[in-house]
Amino acid sequence: MRKVLMAFGFLTTVYTAYILAPSITPAQQESPAYAKWGQLAVKETSAKYPQANIIDYLHIGSESKNESTVEKFKLWLKEGNHEFGVFVNITFITKTEEVITIELKETPK
């Protein structure tokens, strides 16, 4: 497969080869630890922006402090001709995974 990427101001062609591993099935592949929080971020963003389509998703990272963890995401949305980002921070109790807060903040970039 061929992809054209912009890297350091230059167009770069990247050829990606797909290697099939018949011994590994999708059911055996593990989801990342943040996957459930990503689903919640998408759900909350969709509820706040019901007319927009989520066109991209990024897990920024997580921070643990005392007994809580914050999972951070950036989603890119498109509504008509308008595109914008939404930062989503989900704070939860690390041990029980009980959600404390979900913060959504719109950004133009």
PDB file of N, CA and C in Angstrom:
ATOM      1  N   MET A   1       0.841  -1.166   0.000  1.00  0.00           N
ATOM      2  CA  MET A   1       0.000   0.000   0.000  1.00  0.00           C
ATOM      3  C   MET A   1       0.892   1.236   0.000  1.00  0.00           C
ATOM      4  N   ARG A   2       0.505   2.270  -0.701  1.00  0.00           N
ATOM      5  CA  ARG A   2       1.295   3.483  -0.813  1.00  0.00           C
ATOM      6  C   ARG A   2       0.594   4.628  -0.103  1.00  0.00           C
ATOM      7  N   LYS A   3       1.324   5.359   0.694  1.00  0.00           N
ATOM      8  CA  LYS A   3       0.790   6.521   1.391  1.00  0.00           C
ATOM      9  C   LYS A   3       1.711   7.693   1.119  1.00  0.00           C
ATOM     10  N   VAL A   4       1.144   8.877   0.963  1.00  0.00           N
ATOM     11  CA  VAL A   4       1.944  10.086   0.798  1.00  0.00           C
ATOM     12  C   VAL A   4       1.758  10.915   2.057  1.00  0.00           C
ATOM     13  N   LEU A   5       2.861  11.229   2.695  1.00  0.00           N
ATOM     14  CA  LEU A   5       2.831  11.953   3.963  1.00  0.00           C
ATOM     15  C   LEU A   5       3.603  13.247   3.848  1.00  0.00           C
ATOM     16  N   MET A   6       3.248  14.223   4.664  1.00  0.00           N
ATOM     17  CA  MET A   6       3.997  15.468   4.761  1.00  0.00           C
ATOM     18  C   MET A   6       4.904  15.329   5.974  1.00  0.00           C
ATOM     19  N   ALA A   7       6.218  15.395   5.760  1.00  0.00           N
ATOM     20  CA  ALA A   7       7.158  15.274   6.867  1.00  0.00           C
ATOM     21  C   ALA A   7       8.201  16.372   6.752  1.00  0.00           C
ATOM     22  N   PHE A   8       8.304  17.196   7.750  1.00  0.00           N
ATOM     23  CA  PHE A   8       9.271  18.283   7.800  1.00  0.00           C
ATOM     24  C   PHE A   8       9.192  19.163   6.553  1.00  0.00           C
ATOM     25  N   GLY A   9       7.972  19.391   6.062  1.00  0.00           N
ATOM     26  CA  GLY A   9       7.782  20.258   4.914  1.00  0.00           C
ATOM     27  C   GLY A   9       8.008  19.588   3.576  1.00  0.00           C
ATOM     28  N   PHE A  10       8.348  18.297   3.565  1.00  0.00           N
ATOM     29  CA  PHE A  10       8.584  17.585   2.320  1.00  0.00           C
ATOM     30  C   PHE A  10       7.540  16.506   2.150  1.00  0.00           C
ATOM     31  N   LEU A  11       7.094  16.308   0.914  1.00  0.00           N
ATOM     32  CA  LEU A  11       6.193  15.193   0.645  1.00  0.00           C
ATOM     33  C   LEU A  11       7.023  13.920   0.618  1.00  0.00           C
ATOM     34  N   THR A  12       6.572  12.935   1.309  1.00  0.00           N
ATOM     35  CA  THR A  12       7.291  11.684   1.405  1.00  0.00           C
ATOM     36  C   THR A  12       6.355  10.555   1.017  1.00  0.00           C
ATOM     37  N   THR A  13       6.839   9.644   0.208  1.00  0.00           N
ATOM     38  CA  THR A  13       6.049   8.479  -0.134  1.00  0.00           C
ATOM     39  C   THR A  13       6.485   7.323   0.749  1.00  0.00           C
ATOM     40  N   VAL A  14       5.531   6.725   1.407  1.00  0.00           N
ATOM     41  CA  VAL A  14       5.810   5.608   2.306  1.00  0.00           C
ATOM     42  C   VAL A  14       5.083   4.385   1.774  1.00  0.00           C
ATOM     43  N   TYR A  15       5.805   3.321   1.646  1.00  0.00           N
ATOM     44  CA  TYR A  15       5.191   2.069   1.220  1.00  0.00           C
ATOM     45  C   TYR A  15       5.031   1.186   2.444  1.00  0.00           C
ATOM     46  N   THR A  16       3.823   0.752   2.669  1.00  0.00           N
ATOM     47  CA  THR A  16       3.517  -0.059   3.835  1.00  0.00           C
ATOM     48  C   THR A  16       3.236  -1.481   3.376  1.00  0.00           C
ATOM     49  N   ALA A  17       3.934  -2.413   3.944  1.00  0.00           N
ATOM     50  CA  ALA A  17       3.698  -3.820   3.624  1.00  0.00           C
ATOM     51  C   ALA A  17       2.882  -4.423   4.760  1.00  0.00           C
ATOM     52  N   TYR A  18       1.901  -5.188   4.385  1.00  0.00           N
ATOM     53  CA  TYR A  18       1.075  -5.853   5.380  1.00  0.00           C
ATOM     54  C   TYR A  18       1.548  -7.295   5.516  1.00  0.00           C
ATOM     55  N   ILE A  19       1.848  -7.668   6.728  1.00  0.00           N
ATOM     56  CA  ILE A  19       2.283  -9.031   7.009  1.00  0.00           C
ATOM     57  C   ILE A  19       1.149  -9.725   7.741  1.00  0.00           C
ATOM     58  N   LEU A  20       0.712 -10.812   7.194  1.00  0.00           N
ATOM     59  CA  LEU A  20      -0.378 -11.554   7.815  1.00  0.00           C
ATOM     60  C   LEU A  20       0.201 -12.555   8.794  1.00  0.00           C
ATOM     61  N   ALA A  21      -0.368 -12.594   9.949  1.00  0.00           N
ATOM     62  CA  ALA A  21       0.065 -13.538  10.984  1.00  0.00           C
ATOM     63  C   ALA A  21      -1.092 -14.481  11.269  1.00  0.00           C
ATOM     64  N   PRO A  22      -1.164 -15.596  10.578  1.00  0.00           N
ATOM     65  CA  PRO A  22      -2.311 -16.480  10.735  1.00  0.00           C
ATOM     66  C   PRO A  22      -2.458 -17.060  12.133  1.00  0.00           C
ATOM     67  N   SER A  23      -1.403 -17.014  12.941  1.00  0.00           N
ATOM     68  CA  SER A  23      -1.513 -17.585  14.285  1.00  0.00           C
ATOM     69  C   SER A  23      -2.187 -16.635  15.264  1.00  0.00           C
ATOM     70  N   ILE A  24      -2.386 -15.362  14.877  1.00  0.00           N
ATOM     71  CA  ILE A  24      -3.019 -14.396  15.767  1.00  0.00           C
ATOM     72  C   ILE A  24      -4.349 -13.977  15.163  1.00  0.00           C
ATOM     73  N   THR A  25      -5.416 -14.198  15.908  1.00  0.00           N
ATOM     74  CA  THR A  25      -6.736 -13.800  15.447  1.00  0.00           C
ATOM     75  C   THR A  25      -7.118 -12.497  16.147  1.00  0.00           C
ATOM     76  N   PRO A  26      -8.069 -11.744  15.591  1.00  0.00           N
ATOM     77  CA  PRO A  26      -8.469 -10.486  16.245  1.00  0.00           C
ATOM     78  C   PRO A  26      -8.914 -10.669  17.690  1.00  0.00           C
ATOM     79  N   ALA A  27      -9.510 -11.779  18.013  1.00  0.00           N
ATOM     80  CA  ALA A  27      -9.967 -12.014  19.386  1.00  0.00           C
ATOM     81  C   ALA A  27      -8.789 -12.131  20.347  1.00  0.00           C
ATOM     82  N   GLN A  28      -7.617 -12.518  19.822  1.00  0.00           N
ATOM     83  CA  GLN A  28      -6.452 -12.683  20.676  1.00  0.00           C
ATOM     84  C   GLN A  28      -5.691 -11.383  20.880  1.00  0.00           C
ATOM     85  N   GLN A  29      -5.934 -10.399  20.046  1.00  0.00           N
ATOM     86  CA  GLN A  29      -5.248  -9.126  20.178  1.00  0.00           C
ATOM     87  C   GLN A  29      -5.830  -8.362  21.359  1.00  0.00           C
ATOM     88  N   GLU A  30      -4.958  -7.772  22.159  1.00  0.00           N
ATOM     89  CA  GLU A  30      -5.414  -7.036  23.330  1.00  0.00           C
ATOM     90  C   GLU A  30      -5.706  -5.589  22.971  1.00  0.00           C
ATOM     91  N   SER A  31      -6.746  -5.047  23.567  1.00  0.00           N
ATOM     92  CA  SER A  31      -7.056  -3.633  23.408  1.00  0.00           C
ATOM     93  C   SER A  31      -6.127  -2.839  24.303  1.00  0.00           C
ATOM     94  N   PRO A  32      -5.785  -1.612  23.904  1.00  0.00           N
ATOM     95  CA  PRO A  32      -4.966  -0.800  24.803  1.00  0.00           C
ATOM     96  C   PRO A  32      -5.730  -0.494  26.089  1.00  0.00           C
ATOM     97  N   ALA A  33      -4.999  -0.211  27.148  1.00  0.00           N
ATOM     98  CA  ALA A  33      -5.612   0.044  28.461  1.00  0.00           C
ATOM     99  C   ALA A  33      -6.572   1.231  28.423  1.00  0.00           C
ATOM    100  N   TYR A  34      -6.347   2.182  27.543  1.00  0.00           N
ATOM    101  CA  TYR A  34      -7.189   3.374  27.482  1.00  0.00           C
ATOM    102  C   TYR A  34      -8.422   3.202  26.597  1.00  0.00           C
ATOM    103  N   ALA A  35      -8.610   2.057  25.975  1.00  0.00           N
ATOM    104  CA  ALA A  35      -9.695   1.851  24.994  1.00  0.00           C
ATOM    105  C   ALA A  35     -11.072   2.148  25.573  1.00  0.00           C
ATOM    106  N   LYS A  36     -11.352   1.673  26.776  1.00  0.00           N
ATOM    107  CA  LYS A  36     -12.677   1.916  27.359  1.00  0.00           C
ATOM    108  C   LYS A  36     -12.900   3.398  27.619  1.00  0.00           C
ATOM    109  N   TRP A  37     -11.835   4.122  27.977  1.00  0.00           N
ATOM    110  CA  TRP A  37     -11.952   5.560  28.221  1.00  0.00           C
ATOM    111  C   TRP A  37     -12.110   6.305  26.901  1.00  0.00           C
ATOM    112  N   GLY A  38     -11.489   5.802  25.857  1.00  0.00           N
ATOM    113  CA  GLY A  38     -11.658   6.388  24.532  1.00  0.00           C
ATOM    114  C   GLY A  38     -13.091   6.264  24.043  1.00  0.00           C
ATOM    115  N   GLN A  39     -13.705   5.120  24.313  1.00  0.00           N
ATOM    116  CA  GLN A  39     -15.109   4.931  23.939  1.00  0.00           C
ATOM    117  C   GLN A  39     -16.004   5.924  24.688  1.00  0.00           C
ATOM    118  N   LEU A  40     -15.697   6.139  25.959  1.00  0.00           N
ATOM    119  CA  LEU A  40     -16.467   7.100  26.754  1.00  0.00           C
ATOM    120  C   LEU A  40     -16.250   8.525  26.224  1.00  0.00           C
ATOM    121  N   ALA A  41     -15.026   8.857  25.840  1.00  0.00           N
ATOM    122  CA  ALA A  41     -14.729  10.183  25.285  1.00  0.00           C
ATOM    123  C   ALA A  41     -15.525  10.415  24.002  1.00  0.00           C
ATOM    124  N   VAL A  42     -15.584   9.406  23.142  1.00  0.00           N
ATOM    125  CA  VAL A  42     -16.346   9.508  21.894  1.00  0.00           C
ATOM    126  C   VAL A  42     -17.833   9.663  22.194  1.00  0.00           C
ATOM    127  N   LYS A  43     -18.336   8.873  23.141  1.00  0.00           N
ATOM    128  CA  LYS A  43     -19.758   8.929  23.502  1.00  0.00           C
ATOM    129  C   LYS A  43     -20.145  10.313  24.035  1.00  0.00           C
ATOM    130  N   GLU A  44     -19.348  10.844  24.935  1.00  0.00           N
ATOM    131  CA  GLU A  44     -19.642  12.154  25.527  1.00  0.00           C
ATOM    132  C   GLU A  44     -19.532  13.273  24.490  1.00  0.00           C
ATOM    133  N   THR A  45     -18.547  13.176  23.618  1.00  0.00           N
ATOM    134  CA  THR A  45     -18.371  14.186  22.571  1.00  0.00           C
ATOM    135  C   THR A  45     -19.538  14.136  21.586  1.00  0.00           C
ATOM    136  N   SER A  46     -19.955  12.939  21.222  1.00  0.00           N
ATOM    137  CA  SER A  46     -21.106  12.787  20.309  1.00  0.00           C
ATOM    138  C   SER A  46     -22.373  13.357  20.927  1.00  0.00           C
ATOM    139  N   ALA A  47     -22.532  13.197  22.236  1.00  0.00           N
ATOM    140  CA  ALA A  47     -23.714  13.727  22.916  1.00  0.00           C
ATOM    141  C   ALA A  47     -23.706  15.255  22.936  1.00  0.00           C
ATOM    142  N   LYS A  48     -22.524  15.852  23.125  1.00  0.00           N
ATOM    143  CA  LYS A  48     -22.429  17.312  23.182  1.00  0.00           C
ATOM    144  C   LYS A  48     -22.515  17.940  21.784  1.00  0.00           C
ATOM    145  N   TYR A  49     -22.024  17.232  20.773  1.00  0.00           N
ATOM    146  CA  TYR A  49     -22.011  17.736  19.397  1.00  0.00           C
ATOM    147  C   TYR A  49     -22.736  16.743  18.488  1.00  0.00           C
ATOM    148  N   PRO A  50     -24.049  16.603  18.620  1.00  0.00           N
ATOM    149  CA  PRO A  50     -24.782  15.569  17.885  1.00  0.00           C
ATOM    150  C   PRO A  50     -24.814  15.766  16.365  1.00  0.00           C
ATOM    151  N   GLN A  51     -24.623  16.995  15.890  1.00  0.00           N
ATOM    152  CA  GLN A  51     -24.656  17.256  14.445  1.00  0.00           C
ATOM    153  C   GLN A  51     -23.284  17.075  13.785  1.00  0.00           C
ATOM    154  N   ALA A  52     -22.245  16.885  14.575  1.00  0.00           N
ATOM    155  CA  ALA A  52     -20.886  16.785  14.044  1.00  0.00           C
ATOM    156  C   ALA A  52     -20.471  15.325  13.875  1.00  0.00           C
ATOM    157  N   ASN A  53     -19.579  15.098  12.921  1.00  0.00           N
ATOM    158  CA  ASN A  53     -18.974  13.779  12.727  1.00  0.00           C
ATOM    159  C   ASN A  53     -17.586  13.791  13.346  1.00  0.00           C
ATOM    160  N   ILE A  54     -17.271  12.744  14.083  1.00  0.00           N
ATOM    161  CA  ILE A  54     -15.924  12.609  14.635  1.00  0.00           C
ATOM    162  C   ILE A  54     -15.081  11.989  13.529  1.00  0.00           C
ATOM    163  N   ILE A  55     -14.062  12.744  13.083  1.00  0.00           N
ATOM    164  CA  ILE A  55     -13.266  12.262  11.951  1.00  0.00           C
ATOM    165  C   ILE A  55     -11.866  11.807  12.349  1.00  0.00           C
ATOM    166  N   ASP A  56     -11.452  12.101  13.573  1.00  0.00           N
ATOM    167  CA  ASP A  56     -10.149  11.635  14.028  1.00  0.00           C
ATOM    168  C   ASP A  56     -10.143  11.563  15.549  1.00  0.00           C
ATOM    169  N   TYR A  57      -9.203  10.779  16.079  1.00  0.00           N
ATOM    170  CA  TYR A  57      -9.155  10.466  17.506  1.00  0.00           C
ATOM    171  C   TYR A  57      -7.694  10.286  17.901  1.00  0.00           C
ATOM    172  N   LEU A  58      -7.304  10.877  19.003  1.00  0.00           N
ATOM    173  CA  LEU A  58      -5.936  10.734  19.481  1.00  0.00           C
ATOM    174  C   LEU A  58      -5.936  10.554  20.990  1.00  0.00           C
ATOM    175  N   HIS A  59      -5.245   9.532  21.464  1.00  0.00           N
ATOM    176  CA  HIS A  59      -5.020   9.379  22.904  1.00  0.00           C
ATOM    177  C   HIS A  59      -3.751  10.144  23.219  1.00  0.00           C
ATOM    178  N   ILE A  60      -3.879  11.206  23.979  1.00  0.00           N
ATOM    179  CA  ILE A  60      -2.736  12.055  24.311  1.00  0.00           C
ATOM    180  C   ILE A  60      -1.873  11.403  25.383  1.00  0.00           C
ATOM    181  N   GLY A  61      -2.517  10.774  26.342  1.00  0.00           N
ATOM    182  CA  GLY A  61      -1.778  10.130  27.422  1.00  0.00           C
ATOM    183  C   GLY A  61      -2.583  10.108  28.703  1.00  0.00           C
ATOM    184  N   SER A  62      -1.941   9.674  29.758  1.00  0.00           N
ATOM    185  CA  SER A  62      -2.624   9.636  31.047  1.00  0.00           C
ATOM    186  C   SER A  62      -1.690  10.145  32.134  1.00  0.00           C
ATOM    187  N   GLU A  63      -2.299  10.651  33.185  1.00  0.00           N
ATOM    188  CA  GLU A  63      -1.562  11.126  34.364  1.00  0.00           C
ATOM    189  C   GLU A  63      -2.193  10.521  35.599  1.00  0.00           C
ATOM    190  N   SER A  64      -1.356   9.968  36.452  1.00  0.00           N
ATOM    191  CA  SER A  64      -1.843   9.449  37.725  1.00  0.00           C
ATOM    192  C   SER A  64      -1.336  10.354  38.834  1.00  0.00           C
ATOM    193  N   LYS A  65      -2.241  10.680  39.757  1.00  0.00           N
ATOM    194  CA  LYS A  65      -1.887  11.558  40.866  1.00  0.00           C
ATOM    195  C   LYS A  65      -2.666  11.086  42.079  1.00  0.00           C
ATOM    196  N   ASN A  66      -1.962  10.767  43.128  1.00  0.00           N
ATOM    197  CA  ASN A  66      -2.571  10.233  44.347  1.00  0.00           C
ATOM    198  C   ASN A  66      -3.418   9.004  43.990  1.00  0.00           C
ATOM    199  N   GLU A  67      -4.720   9.093  44.177  1.00  0.00           N
ATOM    200  CA  GLU A  67      -5.579   7.932  43.934  1.00  0.00           C
ATOM    201  C   GLU A  67      -6.418   8.060  42.671  1.00  0.00           C
ATOM    202  N   SER A  68      -6.109   9.067  41.829  1.00  0.00           N
ATOM    203  CA  SER A  68      -6.900   9.250  40.619  1.00  0.00           C
ATOM    204  C   SER A  68      -6.011   9.242  39.372  1.00  0.00           C
ATOM    205  N   THR A  69      -6.651   9.021  38.242  1.00  0.00           N
ATOM    206  CA  THR A  69      -5.985   9.022  36.940  1.00  0.00           C
ATOM    207  C   THR A  69      -6.789   9.905  35.997  1.00  0.00           C
ATOM    208  N   VAL A  70      -6.087  10.607  35.107  1.00  0.00           N
ATOM    209  CA  VAL A  70      -6.728  11.403  34.071  1.00  0.00           C
ATOM    210  C   VAL A  70      -6.297  10.836  32.722  1.00  0.00           C
ATOM    211  N   GLU A  71      -7.263  10.388  31.938  1.00  0.00           N
ATOM    212  CA  GLU A  71      -6.992   9.950  30.565  1.00  0.00           C
ATOM    213  C   GLU A  71      -7.321  11.129  29.669  1.00  0.00           C
ATOM    214  N   LYS A  72      -6.399  11.463  28.749  1.00  0.00           N
ATOM    215  CA  LYS A  72      -6.546  12.652  27.914  1.00  0.00           C
ATOM    216  C   LYS A  72      -6.645  12.259  26.437  1.00  0.00           C
ATOM    217  N   PHE A  73      -7.621  12.867  25.765  1.00  0.00           N
ATOM    218  CA  PHE A  73      -7.874  12.589  24.356  1.00  0.00           C
ATOM    219  C   PHE A  73      -8.088  13.885  23.597  1.00  0.00           C
ATOM    220  N   LYS A  74      -7.828  13.834  22.291  1.00  0.00           N
ATOM    221  CA  LYS A  74      -8.225  14.923  21.404  1.00  0.00           C
ATOM    222  C   LYS A  74      -8.990  14.298  20.250  1.00  0.00           C
ATOM    223  N   LEU A  75     -10.196  14.799  20.036  1.00  0.00           N
ATOM    224  CA  LEU A  75     -11.023  14.337  18.933  1.00  0.00           C
ATOM    225  C   LEU A  75     -11.152  15.475  17.933  1.00  0.00           C
ATOM    226  N   TRP A  76     -11.188  15.135  16.651  1.00  0.00           N
ATOM    227  CA  TRP A  76     -11.344  16.128  15.595  1.00  0.00           C
ATOM    228  C   TRP A  76     -12.721  15.932  14.995  1.00  0.00           C
ATOM    229  N   LEU A  77     -13.494  17.002  14.934  1.00  0.00           N
ATOM    230  CA  LEU A  77     -14.878  16.933  14.472  1.00  0.00           C
ATOM    231  C   LEU A  77     -15.083  17.795  13.239  1.00  0.00           C
ATOM    232  N   LYS A  78     -16.091  17.417  12.472  1.00  0.00           N
ATOM    233  CA  LYS A  78     -16.482  18.193  11.295  1.00  0.00           C
ATOM    234  C   LYS A  78     -17.992  18.340  11.309  1.00  0.00           C
ATOM    235  N   GLU A  79     -18.431  19.594  11.220  1.00  0.00           N
ATOM    236  CA  GLU A  79     -19.855  19.899  11.173  1.00  0.00           C
ATOM    237  C   GLU A  79     -20.061  20.848   9.996  1.00  0.00           C
ATOM    238  N   GLY A  80     -20.615  20.336   8.908  1.00  0.00           N
ATOM    239  CA  GLY A  80     -20.716  21.126   7.687  1.00  0.00           C
ATOM    240  C   GLY A  80     -19.322  21.397   7.161  1.00  0.00           C
ATOM    241  N   ASN A  81     -18.985  22.669   6.964  1.00  0.00           N
ATOM    242  CA  ASN A  81     -17.643  23.056   6.504  1.00  0.00           C
ATOM    243  C   ASN A  81     -16.714  23.423   7.650  1.00  0.00           C
ATOM    244  N   HIS A  82     -17.209  23.334   8.870  1.00  0.00           N
ATOM    245  CA  HIS A  82     -16.449  23.733  10.058  1.00  0.00           C
ATOM    246  C   HIS A  82     -15.769  22.518  10.687  1.00  0.00           C
ATOM    247  N   GLU A  83     -14.446  22.607  10.842  1.00  0.00           N
ATOM    248  CA  GLU A  83     -13.696  21.562  11.532  1.00  0.00           C
ATOM    249  C   GLU A  83     -13.100  22.150  12.809  1.00  0.00           C
ATOM    250  N   PHE A  84     -13.091  21.349  13.864  1.00  0.00           N
ATOM    251  CA  PHE A  84     -12.571  21.821  15.142  1.00  0.00           C
ATOM    252  C   PHE A  84     -12.183  20.633  16.005  1.00  0.00           C
ATOM    253  N   GLY A  85     -11.382  20.903  17.019  1.00  0.00           N
ATOM    254  CA  GLY A  85     -10.946  19.869  17.940  1.00  0.00           C
ATOM    255  C   GLY A  85     -11.681  19.963  19.263  1.00  0.00           C
ATOM    256  N   VAL A  86     -11.729  18.848  19.955  1.00  0.00           N
ATOM    257  CA  VAL A  86     -12.293  18.815  21.306  1.00  0.00           C
ATOM    258  C   VAL A  86     -11.331  18.002  22.182  1.00  0.00           C
ATOM    259  N   PHE A  87     -10.803  18.658  23.204  1.00  0.00           N
ATOM    260  CA  PHE A  87      -9.996  17.951  24.196  1.00  0.00           C
ATOM    261  C   PHE A  87     -10.950  17.342  25.210  1.00  0.00           C
ATOM    262  N   VAL A  88     -10.731  16.087  25.545  1.00  0.00           N
ATOM    263  CA  VAL A  88     -11.553  15.391  26.529  1.00  0.00           C
ATOM    264  C   VAL A  88     -10.631  14.841  27.615  1.00  0.00           C
ATOM    265  N   ASN A  89     -10.876  15.244  28.849  1.00  0.00           N
ATOM    266  CA  ASN A  89     -10.143  14.721  30.002  1.00  0.00           C
ATOM    267  C   ASN A  89     -11.121  13.954  30.882  1.00  0.00           C
ATOM    268  N   ILE A  90     -10.822  12.693  31.112  1.00  0.00           N
ATOM    269  CA  ILE A  90     -11.667  11.848  31.956  1.00  0.00           C
ATOM    270  C   ILE A  90     -10.878  11.533  33.221  1.00  0.00           C
ATOM    271  N   THR A  91     -11.375  12.017  34.353  1.00  0.00           N
ATOM    272  CA  THR A  91     -10.733  11.770  35.641  1.00  0.00           C
ATOM    273  C   THR A  91     -11.519  10.694  36.374  1.00  0.00           C
ATOM    274  N   PHE A  92     -10.804   9.689  36.877  1.00  0.00           N
ATOM    275  CA  PHE A  92     -11.458   8.589  37.577  1.00  0.00           C
ATOM    276  C   PHE A  92     -10.585   8.090  38.713  1.00  0.00           C
ATOM    277  N   ILE A  93     -11.224   7.416  39.666  1.00  0.00           N
ATOM    278  CA  ILE A  93     -10.502   6.795  40.779  1.00  0.00           C
ATOM    279  C   ILE A  93      -9.777   5.578  40.215  1.00  0.00           C
ATOM    280  N   THR A  94      -8.485   5.548  40.365  1.00  0.00           N
ATOM    281  CA  THR A  94      -7.656   4.521  39.737  1.00  0.00           C
ATOM    282  C   THR A  94      -8.066   3.106  40.137  1.00  0.00           C
ATOM    283  N   LYS A  95      -8.281   2.880  41.401  1.00  0.00           N
ATOM    284  CA  LYS A  95      -8.581   1.533  41.900  1.00  0.00           C
ATOM    285  C   LYS A  95      -9.942   1.013  41.446  1.00  0.00           C
ATOM    286  N   THR A  96     -10.956   1.845  41.522  1.00  0.00           N
ATOM    287  CA  THR A  96     -12.330   1.396  41.235  1.00  0.00           C
ATOM    288  C   THR A  96     -12.804   1.754  39.827  1.00  0.00           C
ATOM    289  N   GLU A  97     -12.055   2.635  39.147  1.00  0.00           N
ATOM    290  CA  GLU A  97     -12.427   3.150  37.823  1.00  0.00           C
ATOM    291  C   GLU A  97     -13.750   3.919  37.837  1.00  0.00           C
ATOM    292  N   GLU A  98     -14.132   4.439  38.988  1.00  0.00           N
ATOM    293  CA  GLU A  98     -15.324   5.283  39.104  1.00  0.00           C
ATOM    294  C   GLU A  98     -14.998   6.666  38.538  1.00  0.00           C
ATOM    295  N   VAL A  99     -15.808   7.122  37.587  1.00  0.00           N
ATOM    296  CA  VAL A  99     -15.581   8.410  36.941  1.00  0.00           C
ATOM    297  C   VAL A  99     -15.880   9.548  37.915  1.00  0.00           C
ATOM    298  N   ILE A 100     -14.944  10.482  38.011  1.00  0.00           N
ATOM    299  CA  ILE A 100     -15.108  11.655  38.856  1.00  0.00           C
ATOM    300  C   ILE A 100     -15.612  12.821  38.006  1.00  0.00           C
ATOM    301  N   THR A 101     -14.905  13.129  36.913  1.00  0.00           N
ATOM    302  CA  THR A 101     -15.322  14.217  36.021  1.00  0.00           C
ATOM    303  C   THR A 101     -14.974  13.877  34.577  1.00  0.00           C
ATOM    304  N   ILE A 102     -15.740  14.478  33.672  1.00  0.00           N
ATOM    305  CA  ILE A 102     -15.439  14.424  32.240  1.00  0.00           C
ATOM    306  C   ILE A 102     -15.467  15.863  31.761  1.00  0.00           C
ATOM    307  N   GLU A 103     -14.332  16.361  31.289  1.00  0.00           N
ATOM    308  CA  GLU A 103     -14.226  17.741  30.820  1.00  0.00           C
ATOM    309  C   GLU A 103     -14.063  17.748  29.303  1.00  0.00           C
ATOM    310  N   LEU A 104     -14.842  18.574  28.614  1.00  0.00           N
ATOM    311  CA  LEU A 104     -14.716  18.745  27.175  1.00  0.00           C
ATOM    312  C   LEU A 104     -14.382  20.204  26.912  1.00  0.00           C
ATOM    313  N   LYS A 105     -13.370  20.442  26.107  1.00  0.00           N
ATOM    314  CA  LYS A 105     -12.965  21.810  25.790  1.00  0.00           C
ATOM    315  C   LYS A 105     -12.722  21.911  24.293  1.00  0.00           C
ATOM    316  N   GLU A 106     -13.492  22.775  23.633  1.00  0.00           N
ATOM    317  CA  GLU A 106     -13.382  22.962  22.192  1.00  0.00           C
ATOM    318  C   GLU A 106     -12.148  23.795  21.870  1.00  0.00           C
ATOM    319  N   THR A 107     -11.496  23.474  20.757  1.00  0.00           N
ATOM    320  CA  THR A 107     -10.316  24.199  20.312  1.00  0.00           C
ATOM    321  C   THR A 107     -10.347  24.324  18.791  1.00  0.00           C
ATOM    322  N   PRO A 108      -9.867  25.447  18.258  1.00  0.00           N
ATOM    323  CA  PRO A 108      -9.884  25.610  16.804  1.00  0.00           C
ATOM    324  C   PRO A 108      -8.815  24.774  16.108  1.00  0.00           C
ATOM    325  N   LYS A 109      -7.807  24.321  16.829  1.00  0.00           N
ATOM    326  CA  LYS A 109      -6.724  23.528  16.226  1.00  0.00           C
ATOM    327  C   LYS A 109      -6.518  22.238  16.951  1.00  0.00           C
TER     328      LYS A 109
END
